[in-house]
Amino acid sequence: MPRRYSELYISVRNALRAQGIEAANFEARLLVAAASGKTTAQLLRDMSLYDTDEVENRAAGMLRRRLAGEPAAYITGVWEFRGLPMEVNPEVLIPRVDTEVLAEEAIRFLEDGRRGGRVLDLCSGSGCIGLAIADALPGTHVLLADISAEAIETSRRNAARNGLAGRVGYMLCDATKAPPVMTGPFDLIVSNPPYIASFDILTLDASVRDYEPIWALDGGEDGLDFYRAIVKNWPSALRPGGALMFEVGEEQAAEVRALMLEAGLRNAETVLDTRGVERVVKAVK
């Protein structure tokens, strides 16, 4: 039976809260907005209006999927990263707030250099990092690179969705191998590679372990396989003075910083996320 959107929102929120979902308020807005074909802003505007049986049925179906453990981002198909709407699907990881630290550090580096620059987003997935850089710095050209053709197609749609297609290129490649011939030079390489130790994947929350792509999570026995390969092979694609920046997992920063220094990079530093975790490691060629 149709209800006001405010009533539908409250019922979805309460069901999520009862399941112990921390972001119940936020996720309820996303689910109800998606069920009604509205943006979250439009939903807030229309809270006093009545929904329809069709909206009620869609919301109930989405809620069942969420309570069964499926991430809200995959149910709605859209997630925001630094204010940009990103298509997400089971072929790409859901963008995290922690990853915004890497995007912001990259933007700061390019702004300080007062140049547009060429940027490579390696292991680009949905394209969220590279597209956030392109959106913030119109003079920048970004190359999105991933081993997954499905991820590349997702990032291509995200570039078009956000009006960035003209400043973004795409490359299908393996980050653990040497760069393809004639790749670069770049002013900046950013990467959020797989960094979960293989055994630890079994301990991840079910909403991650059972739904997000394992190949985008598994960093090998100690979680550092991609870092070793990238610092060995990819600095050759940087200009002198260019930077390599990684997102890293908790307690990985010191080891990744050591790998960068051993590879001949300079000024290796870490940047904290909002929880005080060393989340970004950066160094200069």
Protein backbone atom coordinates (compact mmCIF):
# COMPACT_ATOMS: atom_id res chain seq x y z
CA MET A 1 0.00 0.00 0.00
CA PRO A 2 1.45 3.41 -0.96
CA ARG A 3 2.90 5.56 1.82
CA ARG A 4 4.66 8.87 2.04
CA TYR A 5 8.29 8.61 0.99
CA SER A 6 9.22 9.68 4.51
CA GLU A 7 7.41 6.65 5.94
CA LEU A 8 9.03 4.29 3.44
CA TYR A 9 12.44 5.72 4.25
CA ILE A 10 11.90 5.29 8.02
CA SER A 11 10.78 1.67 7.62
CA VAL A 12 13.82 0.80 5.47
CA ARG A 13 16.14 2.63 7.86
CA ASN A 14 14.73 0.82 10.88
CA ALA A 15 15.11 -2.57 9.19
CA LEU A 16 18.75 -1.79 8.40
CA ARG A 17 19.38 -0.60 11.96
CA ALA A 18 17.86 -3.79 13.35
CA GLN A 19 20.37 -5.73 11.23
CA GLY A 20 23.22 -3.73 12.82
CA ILE A 21 24.15 -1.83 9.64
CA GLU A 22 26.08 1.22 10.82
CA ALA A 23 25.29 3.51 7.87
CA ALA A 24 21.56 2.75 8.04
CA ASN A 25 20.46 6.36 7.48
CA PHE A 26 22.69 6.82 4.43
CA GLU A 27 21.93 3.43 2.91
CA ALA A 28 18.18 3.83 3.42
CA ARG A 29 18.27 7.07 1.44
CA LEU A 30 20.21 5.34 -1.35
CA LEU A 31 17.87 2.35 -1.53
CA VAL A 32 14.64 4.35 -1.45
CA ALA A 33 15.97 6.85 -3.98
CA ALA A 34 16.99 4.03 -6.33
CA ALA A 35 13.64 2.26 -5.88
CA SER A 36 11.81 5.46 -6.78
CA GLY A 37 14.07 6.42 -9.69
CA LYS A 38 15.14 9.61 -7.94
CA THR A 39 18.42 11.13 -6.86
CA THR A 40 18.89 11.44 -3.11
CA ALA A 41 18.34 15.20 -3.45
CA GLN A 42 15.04 14.61 -5.25
CA LEU A 43 14.01 12.09 -2.60
CA LEU A 44 14.62 14.63 0.18
CA ARG A 45 12.56 17.16 -1.75
CA ASP A 46 9.66 14.70 -2.21
CA MET A 47 9.54 13.17 1.28
CA SER A 48 5.99 14.44 1.89
CA LEU A 49 4.66 12.93 -1.36
CA TYR A 50 3.15 9.48 -1.72
CA ASP A 51 4.96 6.63 -3.41
CA THR A 52 3.37 3.88 -5.54
CA ASP A 53 2.92 0.11 -5.26
CA GLU A 54 5.71 -0.29 -7.79
CA VAL A 55 8.11 1.76 -5.68
CA GLU A 56 7.10 -0.16 -2.55
CA ASN A 57 7.76 -3.49 -4.27
CA ARG A 58 11.14 -2.39 -5.63
CA ALA A 59 12.19 -1.04 -2.24
CA ALA A 60 11.15 -4.28 -0.53
CA GLY A 61 13.21 -6.31 -3.02
CA MET A 62 16.26 -4.10 -2.56
CA LEU A 63 15.92 -4.28 1.21
CA ARG A 64 15.79 -8.08 1.11
CA ARG A 65 19.01 -8.16 -0.90
CA ARG A 66 20.73 -5.78 1.52
CA LEU A 67 19.64 -7.73 4.58
CA ALA A 68 21.01 -10.87 2.91
CA GLY A 69 24.42 -9.18 2.84
CA GLU A 70 24.70 -7.71 -0.66
CA PRO A 71 26.36 -4.27 -0.59
CA ALA A 72 24.04 -1.32 -1.16
CA ALA A 73 26.34 -0.02 -3.90
CA TYR A 74 25.80 -3.13 -6.03
CA ILE A 75 22.05 -3.05 -5.39
CA THR A 76 21.70 0.58 -6.50
CA GLY A 77 24.49 0.39 -9.10
CA VAL A 78 25.87 3.81 -8.13
CA TRP A 79 28.24 5.07 -5.44
CA GLU A 80 29.77 8.52 -4.88
CA PHE A 81 33.47 9.29 -4.77
CA ARG A 82 34.49 12.87 -3.94
CA GLY A 83 31.02 13.96 -5.04
CA LEU A 84 31.15 12.16 -8.39
CA PRO A 85 28.50 9.48 -9.08
CA MET A 86 30.26 6.25 -10.07
CA GLU A 87 28.68 3.20 -11.63
CA VAL A 88 29.70 0.14 -9.64
CA ASN A 89 29.08 -3.52 -10.39
CA PRO A 90 30.56 -6.88 -9.28
CA GLU A 91 33.46 -6.41 -11.75
CA VAL A 92 34.91 -3.49 -9.74
CA LEU A 93 35.51 -2.65 -6.10
CA ILE A 94 33.18 -0.23 -4.37
CA PRO A 95 35.02 3.10 -3.86
CA ARG A 96 35.93 3.76 -0.22
CA VAL A 97 36.21 7.05 1.63
CA ASP A 98 39.77 6.02 2.62
CA THR A 99 40.73 6.04 -1.07
CA GLU A 100 39.76 9.71 -1.32
CA VAL A 101 42.96 10.43 0.62
CA LEU A 102 45.00 9.16 -2.35
CA ALA A 103 43.00 11.24 -4.82
CA GLU A 104 43.38 14.37 -2.69
CA GLU A 105 47.12 13.85 -2.29
CA ALA A 106 47.48 13.42 -6.05
CA ILE A 107 45.52 16.60 -6.72
CA ARG A 108 47.64 18.50 -4.21
CA PHE A 109 50.87 17.31 -5.85
CA LEU A 110 49.77 18.41 -9.32
CA GLU A 111 48.46 21.75 -8.04
CA ASP A 112 51.72 22.47 -6.24
CA GLY A 113 53.62 21.77 -9.46
CA ARG A 114 51.39 24.27 -11.27
CA ARG A 115 51.11 21.98 -14.26
CA GLY A 116 48.27 20.06 -15.84
CA GLY A 117 50.32 16.91 -16.18
CA ARG A 118 49.79 13.38 -17.38
CA VAL A 119 48.52 10.90 -14.82
CA LEU A 120 48.37 7.11 -14.87
CA ASP A 121 45.80 5.41 -12.63
CA LEU A 122 47.15 1.86 -12.41
CA CYS A 123 44.69 -0.87 -11.32
CA SER A 124 42.00 1.71 -12.00
CA GLY A 125 38.86 -0.40 -11.45
CA SER A 126 35.83 1.90 -11.62
CA GLY A 127 38.17 4.77 -12.51
CA CYS A 128 37.24 6.70 -9.37
CA ILE A 129 40.75 7.96 -8.50
CA GLY A 130 41.75 9.05 -11.98
CA LEU A 131 38.37 10.60 -12.71
CA ALA A 132 38.42 12.56 -9.44
CA ILE A 133 41.82 13.96 -10.48
CA ALA A 134 40.55 14.84 -13.96
CA ASP A 135 37.46 16.51 -12.50
CA ALA A 136 39.49 18.63 -10.06
CA LEU A 137 42.20 19.61 -12.57
CA PRO A 138 40.81 20.36 -16.03
CA GLY A 139 44.31 20.70 -17.51
CA THR A 140 45.20 17.12 -16.60
CA HIS A 141 45.03 14.12 -18.92
CA VAL A 142 44.47 10.79 -17.19
CA LEU A 143 45.13 7.26 -18.45
CA LEU A 144 43.08 4.55 -16.72
CA ALA A 145 44.78 1.15 -16.78
CA ASP A 146 43.45 -2.20 -15.60
CA ILE A 147 43.83 -5.89 -16.44
CA SER A 148 40.04 -6.33 -16.57
CA ALA A 149 38.26 -5.40 -19.80
CA GLU A 150 34.98 -5.20 -17.84
CA ALA A 151 36.55 -2.71 -15.41
CA ILE A 152 37.82 -0.60 -18.31
CA GLU A 153 34.32 -0.49 -19.79
CA THR A 154 32.89 0.51 -16.42
CA SER A 155 35.42 3.32 -16.11
CA ARG A 156 34.63 4.45 -19.66
CA ARG A 157 30.95 4.79 -18.73
CA ASN A 158 31.90 6.66 -15.55
CA ALA A 159 33.97 9.13 -17.54
CA ALA A 160 31.01 9.78 -19.83
CA ARG A 161 28.61 10.03 -16.88
CA ASN A 162 30.74 12.80 -15.35
CA GLY A 163 31.54 14.69 -18.56
CA LEU A 164 35.22 13.70 -18.51
CA ALA A 165 35.51 11.46 -21.58
CA GLY A 166 37.54 13.99 -23.54
CA ARG A 167 40.38 14.05 -21.01
CA VAL A 168 40.63 10.35 -20.19
CA GLY A 169 42.28 7.47 -22.03
CA TYR A 170 42.21 3.73 -21.38
CA MET A 171 44.77 0.94 -21.41
CA LEU A 172 44.33 -2.79 -20.86
CA CYS A 173 47.46 -4.00 -19.12
CA ASP A 174 48.90 -6.12 -16.31
CA ALA A 175 50.31 -3.96 -13.50
CA THR A 176 52.67 -6.76 -12.46
CA LYS A 177 54.44 -6.65 -15.84
CA ALA A 178 56.63 -4.00 -17.48
CA PRO A 179 54.76 -1.09 -19.09
CA PRO A 180 53.76 -1.54 -22.74
CA VAL A 181 56.18 0.07 -25.19
CA MET A 182 55.80 3.87 -25.51
CA THR A 183 53.84 4.17 -22.25
CA GLY A 184 54.54 7.48 -20.53
CA PRO A 185 56.18 9.60 -19.50
CA PHE A 186 53.84 10.56 -16.66
CA ASP A 187 54.02 13.29 -14.04
CA LEU A 188 52.22 11.04 -11.59
CA ILE A 189 51.32 7.38 -11.21
CA VAL A 190 48.61 6.54 -8.66
CA SER A 191 47.61 3.03 -7.71
CA ASN A 192 45.23 1.32 -5.32
CA PRO A 193 46.33 -2.24 -6.10
CA PRO A 194 45.10 -5.49 -4.54
CA TYR A 195 46.71 -5.57 -1.08
CA ILE A 196 44.86 -8.09 1.08
CA ALA A 197 46.99 -11.09 2.03
CA SER A 198 45.51 -14.22 0.42
CA PHE A 199 44.70 -15.96 3.72
CA ASP A 200 43.16 -12.81 5.19
CA ILE A 201 40.51 -12.73 2.47
CA LEU A 202 38.76 -15.51 4.37
CA THR A 203 38.39 -13.18 7.37
CA LEU A 204 36.86 -10.25 5.48
CA ASP A 205 33.29 -9.17 6.12
CA ALA A 206 30.89 -11.30 4.07
CA SER A 207 29.64 -8.24 2.18
CA VAL A 208 33.17 -7.86 0.80
CA ARG A 209 34.32 -11.48 0.59
CA ASP A 210 31.17 -12.83 -1.06
CA TYR A 211 30.37 -9.97 -3.44
CA GLU A 212 33.39 -7.88 -4.42
CA PRO A 213 35.86 -9.21 -7.03
CA ILE A 214 38.52 -11.33 -5.32
CA TRP A 215 41.11 -10.58 -8.02
CA ALA A 216 40.90 -6.91 -7.06
CA LEU A 217 41.59 -7.75 -3.40
CA ASP A 218 44.18 -10.56 -3.38
CA GLY A 219 47.69 -9.15 -3.04
CA GLY A 220 49.45 -12.49 -2.64
CA GLU A 221 50.77 -14.29 0.41
CA ASP A 222 51.75 -11.14 2.32
CA GLY A 223 49.61 -8.64 0.39
CA LEU A 224 52.64 -6.93 -1.17
CA ASP A 225 52.99 -8.68 -4.56
CA PHE A 226 51.62 -5.76 -6.58
CA TYR A 227 53.73 -3.18 -4.76
CA ARG A 228 56.91 -5.16 -5.46
CA ALA A 229 56.05 -5.50 -9.15
CA ILE A 230 54.99 -1.89 -9.63
CA VAL A 231 58.03 -0.32 -7.94
CA LYS A 232 60.25 -2.62 -10.00
CA ASN A 233 58.64 -2.01 -13.40
CA TRP A 234 56.74 1.27 -13.52
CA PRO A 235 59.04 4.10 -12.33
CA SER A 236 60.56 3.95 -15.83
CA ALA A 237 57.28 5.48 -17.04
CA LEU A 238 57.71 8.53 -14.76
CA ARG A 239 59.34 11.82 -15.67
CA PRO A 240 62.23 12.94 -13.45
CA GLY A 241 60.52 14.71 -10.56
CA GLY A 242 57.35 12.70 -11.11
CA ALA A 243 55.72 10.87 -8.22
CA LEU A 244 54.45 7.38 -7.49
CA MET A 245 51.61 7.20 -4.96
CA PHE A 246 49.97 4.12 -3.47
CA GLU A 247 47.05 3.38 -1.23
CA VAL A 248 48.18 0.77 1.30
CA GLY A 249 46.50 -1.45 3.87
CA GLU A 250 46.89 -1.05 7.61
CA GLU A 251 50.44 -1.81 8.81
CA GLN A 252 51.81 -1.99 5.25
CA ALA A 253 53.15 1.56 4.95
CA ALA A 254 56.65 0.92 6.33
CA GLU A 255 57.24 -2.05 4.05
CA VAL A 256 55.95 -0.26 0.96
CA ARG A 257 58.03 2.82 1.78
CA ALA A 258 61.13 0.58 2.04
CA LEU A 259 60.34 -1.01 -1.34
CA MET A 260 60.11 2.43 -2.95
CA LEU A 261 63.45 3.55 -1.49
CA GLU A 262 65.12 0.30 -2.55
CA ALA A 263 63.89 0.95 -6.09
CA GLY A 264 65.73 4.29 -6.12
CA LEU A 265 62.79 6.60 -5.48
CA ARG A 266 63.32 9.59 -3.16
CA ASN A 267 61.50 11.39 -0.36
CA ALA A 268 59.23 8.48 0.55
CA GLU A 269 56.48 9.71 2.89
CA THR A 270 53.19 8.52 4.31
CA VAL A 271 49.85 10.30 4.62
CA LEU A 272 47.24 9.51 7.28
CA ASP A 273 43.57 8.88 6.62
CA THR A 274 40.74 10.26 8.77
CA ARG A 275 41.22 7.42 11.30
CA GLY A 276 44.93 8.12 11.71
CA VAL A 277 45.99 5.11 9.63
CA GLU A 278 48.97 5.46 7.27
CA ARG A 279 46.90 5.18 4.11
CA VAL A 280 49.04 6.66 1.32
CA VAL A 281 52.72 6.16 0.59
CA LYS A 282 54.35 8.46 -1.95
CA ALA A 283 57.83 8.98 -3.38
CA VAL A 284 59.50 10.94 -6.18
CA LYS A 285 61.67 9.80 -9.08
